Protein backbone atom coordinates (compact mmCIF):
# COMPACT_ATOMS: atom_id res chain seq x y z
CA UNK A 1 38.72 -140.35 -237.74
CA UNK A 2 39.62 -136.66 -237.69
CA UNK A 3 37.78 -135.39 -234.62
CA UNK A 4 39.92 -132.24 -234.26
CA UNK A 5 38.71 -130.69 -237.49
CA UNK A 6 36.37 -127.70 -237.50
CA UNK A 7 32.75 -128.85 -237.24
CA UNK A 8 30.65 -128.90 -240.38
CA UNK A 9 27.19 -127.40 -239.86
CA UNK A 10 24.51 -129.72 -241.22
CA UNK A 11 20.80 -128.99 -241.52
CA UNK A 12 18.89 -132.26 -241.38
CA UNK A 13 15.16 -132.61 -242.00
CA UNK A 14 12.94 -135.56 -241.15
CA UNK A 15 9.13 -135.40 -240.66
CA UNK A 16 9.55 -137.70 -237.64
CA UNK A 17 12.57 -137.96 -235.38
CA UNK A 18 13.67 -139.65 -232.18
CA UNK A 19 12.08 -140.53 -229.73
CA UNK A 20 9.65 -141.75 -232.40
CA UNK A 21 10.94 -145.24 -233.16
CA UNK A 22 11.43 -146.53 -236.72
CA UNK A 23 14.32 -147.31 -239.04
CA UNK A 24 13.87 -143.86 -240.57
CA UNK A 25 14.50 -142.19 -237.20
CA UNK A 26 17.01 -144.58 -235.62
CA UNK A 27 19.56 -144.26 -238.44
CA UNK A 28 19.90 -140.44 -238.37
CA UNK A 29 19.68 -140.31 -234.57
CA UNK A 30 22.66 -142.64 -234.30
CA UNK A 31 24.47 -140.83 -237.09
CA UNK A 32 24.27 -137.38 -235.50
CA UNK A 33 24.19 -138.33 -231.83
CA UNK A 34 26.77 -141.06 -231.39
CA UNK A 35 29.35 -140.80 -234.14
CA UNK A 36 32.17 -138.74 -232.60
CA UNK A 37 32.51 -136.85 -235.89
CA UNK A 38 32.93 -133.07 -236.29
CA UNK A 39 29.35 -132.56 -237.47
CA UNK A 40 27.15 -129.99 -235.75
CA UNK A 41 23.54 -130.73 -236.67
CA UNK A 42 20.34 -128.75 -236.60
CA UNK A 43 17.50 -131.24 -237.01
CA UNK A 44 14.15 -129.88 -238.14
CA UNK A 45 11.15 -132.15 -237.58
CA UNK A 46 7.45 -131.77 -236.81
CA UNK A 47 5.85 -131.53 -233.39
CA UNK A 48 4.08 -134.88 -233.79
CA UNK A 49 4.01 -135.42 -230.01
CA UNK A 50 2.78 -132.36 -228.06
CA UNK A 51 4.51 -133.64 -224.91
CA UNK A 52 7.94 -133.08 -226.45
CA UNK A 53 9.68 -129.67 -226.19
CA UNK A 54 9.82 -127.36 -229.21
CA UNK A 55 13.60 -127.04 -228.94
CA UNK A 56 15.82 -129.71 -227.46
CA UNK A 57 19.56 -130.19 -227.12
CA UNK A 58 19.93 -133.95 -227.52
CA UNK A 59 23.71 -133.79 -227.40
CA UNK A 60 26.59 -131.33 -227.63
CA UNK A 61 26.39 -131.40 -231.44
CA UNK A 62 22.69 -132.16 -232.03
CA UNK A 63 19.88 -129.63 -231.67
CA UNK A 64 16.31 -130.67 -232.50
CA UNK A 65 13.61 -128.14 -233.40
CA UNK A 66 10.02 -129.40 -233.67
CA UNK A 67 8.00 -127.24 -236.06
CA UNK A 68 4.25 -126.61 -235.82
CA UNK A 69 1.82 -127.91 -238.43
CA UNK A 70 -1.80 -127.28 -239.40
CA UNK A 71 -2.95 -130.87 -239.86
CA UNK A 72 -1.92 -134.34 -241.05
CA UNK A 73 -2.75 -136.24 -244.21
CA UNK A 74 -2.15 -139.92 -243.53
CA UNK A 75 1.31 -139.86 -241.87
CA UNK A 76 2.34 -136.61 -243.60
CA UNK A 77 2.15 -133.00 -242.37
CA UNK A 78 0.78 -129.78 -243.87
CA UNK A 79 2.87 -126.96 -242.42
CA UNK A 80 3.17 -123.54 -244.10
CA UNK A 81 5.05 -122.45 -240.96
CA UNK A 82 7.91 -124.79 -241.82
CA UNK A 83 8.91 -122.66 -244.83
CA UNK A 84 10.33 -119.91 -242.61
CA UNK A 85 12.37 -122.43 -240.66
CA UNK A 86 13.58 -124.09 -243.87
CA UNK A 87 14.77 -120.84 -245.45
CA UNK A 88 16.42 -119.40 -242.34
CA UNK A 89 18.20 -122.58 -241.28
CA UNK A 90 19.44 -123.27 -244.81
CA UNK A 91 21.22 -119.90 -244.65
CA UNK A 92 22.96 -120.82 -241.40
CA UNK A 93 24.28 -124.25 -242.35
CA UNK A 94 26.88 -125.65 -244.74
CA UNK A 95 25.07 -128.76 -245.96
CA UNK A 96 21.40 -129.78 -246.18
CA UNK A 97 20.29 -133.39 -245.72
CA UNK A 98 16.77 -134.74 -246.20
CA UNK A 99 15.41 -138.00 -244.81
CA UNK A 100 13.48 -139.87 -247.51
CA UNK A 101 10.86 -140.95 -248.31
CA UNK A 102 8.90 -137.80 -247.46
CA UNK A 103 7.14 -135.08 -249.43
CA UNK A 104 7.54 -132.33 -246.84
CA UNK A 105 11.22 -131.75 -247.59
CA UNK A 106 10.62 -130.77 -251.22
CA UNK A 107 10.64 -127.01 -250.64
CA UNK A 108 13.66 -127.33 -248.34
CA UNK A 109 15.48 -129.10 -251.18
CA UNK A 110 14.58 -126.25 -253.54
CA UNK A 111 15.78 -123.69 -250.98
CA UNK A 112 19.10 -125.56 -250.68
CA UNK A 113 19.64 -125.31 -254.45
CA UNK A 114 18.63 -121.62 -254.51
CA UNK A 115 21.12 -120.85 -251.74
CA UNK A 116 23.82 -123.02 -253.37
CA UNK A 117 24.07 -125.41 -250.44
CA UNK A 118 24.94 -129.07 -251.16
CA UNK A 119 21.87 -131.32 -250.86
CA UNK A 120 22.33 -134.92 -249.70
CA UNK A 121 19.47 -137.42 -249.48
CA UNK A 122 19.37 -140.26 -246.97
CA UNK A 123 17.09 -142.67 -248.84
CA UNK A 124 15.63 -145.52 -246.81
CA UNK A 125 12.93 -147.17 -248.91
CA UNK A 126 10.17 -146.80 -251.46
CA UNK A 127 6.67 -145.69 -250.47
CA UNK A 128 3.79 -148.18 -250.66
CA UNK A 129 0.59 -147.23 -248.85
CA UNK A 130 -2.25 -149.75 -248.29
CA UNK A 131 -4.48 -150.06 -251.36
CA UNK A 132 -7.35 -147.57 -251.64
CA UNK A 133 -8.35 -144.92 -254.18
CA UNK A 134 -7.19 -141.99 -251.96
CA UNK A 135 -3.93 -143.81 -251.15
CA UNK A 136 -3.16 -144.36 -254.84
CA UNK A 137 -3.27 -140.59 -255.32
CA UNK A 138 -1.25 -139.89 -252.16
CA UNK A 139 1.31 -142.53 -253.13
CA UNK A 140 1.77 -141.04 -256.61
CA UNK A 141 2.18 -137.47 -255.28
CA UNK A 142 4.60 -138.63 -252.59
CA UNK A 143 6.76 -140.58 -255.05
CA UNK A 144 6.84 -137.57 -257.39
CA UNK A 145 8.06 -135.43 -254.50
CA UNK A 146 10.74 -137.99 -253.61
CA UNK A 147 11.84 -138.23 -257.26
CA UNK A 148 12.30 -134.46 -257.51
CA UNK A 149 14.30 -134.31 -254.26
CA UNK A 150 16.58 -137.06 -255.57
CA UNK A 151 16.95 -135.12 -258.81
CA UNK A 152 18.10 -132.04 -256.88
CA UNK A 153 20.48 -133.99 -254.63
CA UNK A 154 24.23 -134.04 -255.18
CA UNK A 155 24.56 -137.38 -253.39
CA UNK A 156 22.12 -140.10 -252.32
CA UNK A 157 23.05 -142.41 -249.44
CA UNK A 158 21.43 -145.86 -249.63
CA UNK A 159 21.65 -149.03 -247.50
CA UNK A 160 22.31 -151.68 -250.15
CA UNK A 161 22.72 -151.95 -253.90
CA UNK A 162 20.46 -155.01 -253.82
CA UNK A 163 17.39 -152.95 -252.91
CA UNK A 164 17.86 -149.99 -255.21
CA UNK A 165 18.92 -151.83 -258.34
CA UNK A 166 15.45 -153.46 -258.34
CA UNK A 167 13.63 -150.11 -258.37
CA UNK A 168 13.29 -148.48 -261.80
CA UNK A 169 12.75 -144.98 -260.36
CA UNK A 170 16.21 -144.96 -258.81
CA UNK A 171 18.07 -145.99 -261.96
CA UNK A 172 18.02 -142.35 -263.07
CA UNK A 173 20.28 -141.49 -260.12
CA UNK A 174 22.71 -144.41 -260.12
CA UNK A 175 25.75 -142.12 -260.48
CA UNK A 176 24.74 -140.23 -257.33
CA UNK A 177 24.30 -143.33 -255.17
CA UNK A 178 26.63 -144.05 -252.25
CA UNK A 179 26.03 -147.49 -250.73
CA UNK A 180 26.67 -147.25 -246.98
CA UNK A 181 25.23 -149.78 -244.48
CA UNK A 182 23.32 -148.24 -241.58
CA UNK A 183 25.03 -147.81 -238.20
CA UNK A 184 24.17 -150.64 -235.82
CA UNK A 185 25.05 -150.46 -232.13
CA UNK A 186 24.83 -153.03 -229.37
CA UNK A 187 25.09 -152.73 -225.62
CA UNK A 188 25.84 -155.13 -222.81
CA UNK A 189 22.68 -156.95 -221.70
CA UNK A 190 20.85 -155.68 -218.64
CA UNK A 191 21.50 -158.50 -216.14
CA UNK A 192 18.33 -158.11 -214.06
CA UNK A 193 16.13 -157.85 -217.16
CA UNK A 194 17.87 -160.88 -218.67
CA UNK A 195 16.95 -162.82 -215.55
CA UNK A 196 13.36 -161.54 -215.67
CA UNK A 197 12.92 -162.61 -219.30
CA UNK A 198 14.67 -165.90 -218.57
CA UNK A 199 12.04 -166.79 -215.98
CA UNK A 200 9.31 -166.33 -218.62
CA UNK A 201 11.28 -168.18 -221.30
CA UNK A 202 12.07 -171.20 -219.16
CA UNK A 203 8.38 -172.14 -219.00
CA UNK A 204 8.46 -172.92 -222.73
CA UNK A 205 10.47 -175.03 -225.16
CA UNK A 206 10.89 -172.36 -227.84
CA UNK A 207 11.15 -168.57 -227.58
CA UNK A 208 10.59 -166.55 -230.75
CA UNK A 209 11.25 -162.81 -231.04
CA UNK A 210 10.00 -159.94 -233.17
CA UNK A 211 11.51 -156.47 -232.92
CA UNK A 212 10.02 -153.40 -234.60
CA UNK A 213 6.87 -151.36 -234.93
CA UNK A 214 3.61 -153.30 -234.86
CA UNK A 215 2.65 -152.22 -238.38
CA UNK A 216 0.87 -153.86 -241.32
CA UNK A 217 3.90 -154.09 -243.62
CA UNK A 218 5.78 -156.12 -240.99
CA UNK A 219 3.72 -159.27 -241.67
CA UNK A 220 3.21 -160.19 -238.02
CA UNK A 221 0.08 -162.20 -238.83
CA UNK A 222 2.31 -164.50 -240.91
CA UNK A 223 4.58 -165.02 -237.90
CA UNK A 224 1.52 -165.82 -235.75
CA UNK A 225 0.32 -168.41 -238.26
CA UNK A 226 3.78 -170.01 -238.37
CA UNK A 227 4.02 -170.51 -234.59
CA UNK A 228 0.36 -171.44 -234.03
CA UNK A 229 1.15 -175.14 -234.57
CA UNK A 230 4.42 -175.05 -232.60
CA UNK A 231 3.58 -176.38 -229.18
CA UNK A 232 5.11 -174.95 -226.03
CA UNK A 233 6.26 -171.70 -227.71
CA UNK A 234 6.27 -168.12 -226.45
CA UNK A 235 6.60 -165.03 -228.65
CA UNK A 236 8.29 -161.88 -227.36
CA UNK A 237 7.50 -158.59 -229.12
CA UNK A 238 9.91 -155.67 -228.62
CA UNK A 239 9.08 -152.21 -229.97
CA UNK A 240 6.34 -149.59 -230.07
CA UNK A 241 2.68 -150.60 -230.27
CA UNK A 242 -0.77 -149.04 -230.56
CA UNK A 243 -0.83 -145.26 -230.26
CA UNK A 244 2.98 -145.13 -230.31
CA UNK A 245 2.83 -146.17 -234.00
CA UNK A 246 1.09 -143.50 -236.07
CA UNK A 247 -1.82 -144.93 -238.07
CA UNK A 248 -1.45 -148.54 -236.89
CA UNK A 249 -3.84 -148.80 -233.91
CA UNK A 250 -6.34 -150.95 -235.84
CA UNK A 251 -3.60 -153.34 -236.96
CA UNK A 252 -2.32 -153.71 -233.40
CA UNK A 253 -5.83 -154.63 -232.23
CA UNK A 254 -6.01 -157.22 -235.03
CA UNK A 255 -2.70 -158.78 -233.93
CA UNK A 256 -3.89 -158.97 -230.31
CA UNK A 257 -7.10 -160.71 -231.42
CA UNK A 258 -5.15 -163.24 -233.52
CA UNK A 259 -2.76 -164.06 -230.67
CA UNK A 260 -5.61 -164.58 -228.24
CA UNK A 261 -7.75 -166.53 -230.71
CA UNK A 262 -4.89 -168.96 -231.45
CA UNK A 263 -3.96 -169.09 -227.75
CA UNK A 264 -0.31 -168.26 -228.38
CA UNK A 265 1.65 -167.28 -225.24
CA UNK A 266 3.10 -163.83 -225.87
CA UNK A 267 4.49 -160.71 -224.22
CA UNK A 268 4.58 -157.16 -225.60
CA UNK A 269 7.70 -155.64 -224.04
CA UNK A 270 7.27 -152.14 -225.51
CA UNK A 271 10.14 -149.77 -226.30
CA UNK A 272 13.31 -151.03 -224.62
CA UNK A 273 16.51 -149.32 -223.52
CA UNK A 274 19.71 -150.43 -225.25
CA UNK A 275 20.65 -152.80 -222.42
CA UNK A 276 17.19 -154.34 -222.19
CA UNK A 277 17.05 -154.74 -225.96
CA UNK A 278 20.29 -156.71 -225.84
CA UNK A 279 18.75 -158.88 -223.10
CA UNK A 280 15.76 -159.51 -225.38
CA UNK A 281 18.02 -160.64 -228.23
CA UNK A 282 20.00 -162.91 -225.91
CA UNK A 283 16.94 -164.63 -224.47
CA UNK A 284 15.17 -165.56 -227.73
CA UNK A 285 16.08 -168.60 -229.82
CA UNK A 286 15.53 -166.81 -233.10
CA UNK A 287 14.45 -163.37 -234.36
CA UNK A 288 11.82 -163.41 -237.12
CA UNK A 289 11.39 -160.53 -239.57
CA UNK A 290 8.45 -161.59 -241.80
CA UNK A 291 8.27 -158.37 -243.85
CA UNK A 292 5.80 -158.33 -246.71
CA UNK A 293 6.75 -155.61 -249.18
CA UNK A 294 9.18 -153.02 -250.49
CA UNK A 295 8.67 -150.58 -247.60
CA UNK A 296 11.23 -152.71 -245.76
CA UNK A 297 14.68 -152.07 -247.24
CA UNK A 298 17.07 -153.61 -244.73
CA UNK A 299 15.89 -154.39 -241.20
CA UNK A 300 18.56 -153.11 -238.81
CA UNK A 301 17.15 -155.32 -236.04
CA UNK A 302 18.56 -158.32 -237.90
CA UNK A 303 22.10 -157.08 -237.40
CA UNK A 304 21.42 -156.11 -233.77
CA UNK A 305 20.32 -159.70 -233.10
CA UNK A 306 23.28 -161.20 -234.96
CA UNK A 307 25.77 -159.13 -232.97
CA UNK A 308 24.22 -160.61 -229.80
CA UNK A 309 24.62 -164.11 -231.23
CA UNK A 310 20.99 -164.69 -232.18
CA UNK A 311 20.13 -166.19 -235.60
CA UNK A 312 17.52 -164.55 -237.83
CA UNK A 313 14.71 -165.59 -240.15
CA UNK A 314 13.85 -162.88 -242.69
CA UNK A 315 11.80 -162.49 -245.84
CA UNK A 316 13.66 -162.99 -249.10
CA UNK A 317 13.12 -159.41 -250.25
CA UNK A 318 15.60 -157.03 -251.91
CA UNK A 319 17.68 -155.33 -249.23
CA UNK A 320 16.14 -157.32 -246.37
CA UNK A 321 18.02 -160.47 -247.44
CA UNK A 322 21.44 -158.80 -247.43
CA UNK A 323 22.42 -159.29 -243.73
CA UNK A 324 21.72 -163.04 -243.87
CA UNK A 325 23.44 -163.44 -247.25
CA UNK A 326 26.56 -161.66 -245.95
CA UNK A 327 26.74 -163.28 -242.50
CA UNK A 328 25.13 -166.73 -243.01
CA UNK A 329 23.50 -166.22 -239.60
CA UNK A 330 19.99 -167.20 -240.56
CA UNK A 331 17.48 -168.45 -243.12
CA UNK A 332 15.56 -166.57 -245.81
CA UNK A 333 11.91 -167.41 -246.42
CA UNK A 334 9.38 -166.40 -249.06
CA UNK A 335 7.09 -163.50 -248.06
CA UNK A 336 3.63 -164.61 -246.84
CA UNK A 337 4.85 -168.20 -246.35
CA UNK A 338 4.14 -169.23 -242.76
CA UNK A 339 5.08 -172.88 -243.40
CA UNK A 340 8.59 -171.90 -244.52
CA UNK A 341 8.98 -169.79 -241.38
CA UNK A 342 7.89 -172.69 -239.18
CA UNK A 343 10.37 -175.05 -240.87
CA UNK A 344 13.13 -172.43 -240.55
CA UNK A 345 12.42 -172.01 -236.81
CA UNK A 346 12.75 -175.77 -236.26
CA UNK A 347 15.93 -175.91 -238.37
CA UNK A 348 17.60 -173.13 -236.36
CA UNK A 349 16.62 -174.32 -232.88
CA UNK A 350 17.77 -177.87 -233.72
CA UNK A 351 21.05 -176.83 -235.37
CA UNK A 352 21.82 -173.48 -233.72
CA UNK A 353 25.62 -173.90 -233.86
CA UNK A 354 25.35 -173.86 -237.67
CA UNK A 355 23.77 -170.38 -237.60
CA UNK A 356 25.48 -168.84 -234.58
CA UNK A 357 29.04 -169.40 -233.44
CA UNK A 358 32.03 -167.28 -232.47
CA UNK A 359 33.41 -167.11 -236.02
CA UNK A 360 30.08 -166.03 -237.54
CA UNK A 361 29.51 -163.38 -234.87
CA UNK A 362 32.99 -161.88 -235.34
CA UNK A 363 32.43 -161.82 -239.10
CA UNK A 364 29.13 -159.96 -238.60
CA UNK A 365 30.86 -157.39 -236.36
CA UNK A 366 33.45 -156.77 -239.06
CA UNK A 367 30.87 -156.43 -241.85
CA UNK A 368 28.64 -154.06 -239.91
CA UNK A 369 31.26 -151.83 -238.29
CA UNK A 370 29.57 -148.55 -237.34
CA UNK A 371 32.87 -146.67 -237.45
CA UNK A 372 33.18 -147.49 -241.16
CA UNK A 373 29.65 -146.19 -241.70
CA UNK A 374 30.31 -142.90 -239.92
CA UNK A 375 33.60 -142.33 -241.72
CA UNK A 376 31.97 -143.04 -245.10
CA UNK A 377 29.10 -140.61 -244.50
CA UNK A 378 31.47 -137.93 -243.23
CA UNK A 379 33.53 -138.35 -246.40
CA UNK A 380 30.42 -137.83 -248.52
CA UNK A 381 29.48 -134.66 -246.62
CA UNK A 382 33.02 -133.28 -246.64
CA UNK A 383 33.48 -133.96 -250.37
CA UNK A 384 30.39 -131.92 -251.18
CA UNK A 385 31.68 -129.03 -249.11
CA UNK A 386 35.03 -129.19 -250.94
CA UNK A 387 33.32 -129.08 -254.33
CA UNK A 388 31.30 -126.00 -253.34
CA UNK A 389 34.42 -124.18 -252.11
CA UNK A 390 36.35 -124.98 -255.28
CA UNK A 391 33.54 -123.60 -257.42
CA UNK A 392 33.45 -120.28 -255.56
């Protein structure tokens, strides 16, 4: 890794950014904050949380600027003010990257082409809003915006070939695709928190974990149904809930009602630090990712759990199934099938050595090596800069 090279100046845009928690924000935060690469990044995002500063130095090579907006439509932003920031920052930087799916970066993508700056898309997943007449229109407009940004991009970074080869819209851009797994980090468990969770766990026979936003596409009601007939079981939820998840307050209330109605012991742990998150993975018997649809393209939490030695149950969906297929550290189940999840839980807790042992964990660490991810992305960025310089 050539850390002595002159820093490349990258303009990155994402409608939401850390500390908002989702796969769309965790990936770029890790990429620009923790990689040790010569990449100086200006991140433009929206001021979705008024308690956060407008400008923030998150690290020596990462500056975040939160732009004002007039109002929101669903989870999107209407912000004429952003155009000035887009144009001026494009001038100052060598490469422009957009975080997709989003519509708001469309004009930034056009500005990048007009100013002859390489445009790279970081494409996470397809858009699928809950069914309603307004959402059908919003979904169509949003996908058109994503399609045009991909058309303008020189390179498109994707998680897995498995996910994108199943989507017809992306076949037009197959030659631009660079398949690079997301960066996954683990930390040493927090000893005191591990003990605290252990006290709760030891009151029950089984401990099941879910990690992620409490959001409708995650299929948490399917997980609840699967454990409702498992006696002496506690469910730990790690991740943002309620008002910390834009647009999902009603769903969170529904999940709370279901848990209480079925009398399932449970704990919502909230957003955890890296050390506490590792403690969470260590304490549970199995992590369950019961995703329902194509808005889930990978599930980085699967790999985080595996690297801590915890087996995983995940939906057999394109992209989502890849970590288990590669590592053998878990079981795939059909979406919406609570009975399969229940059977998989019993299989793993009864034969855990089959799904988690030293050899499997070391193999997972080798497959999902963050250094390889960072080097691959840096190569993509650097190659685009080289092409621009040769054409001048």
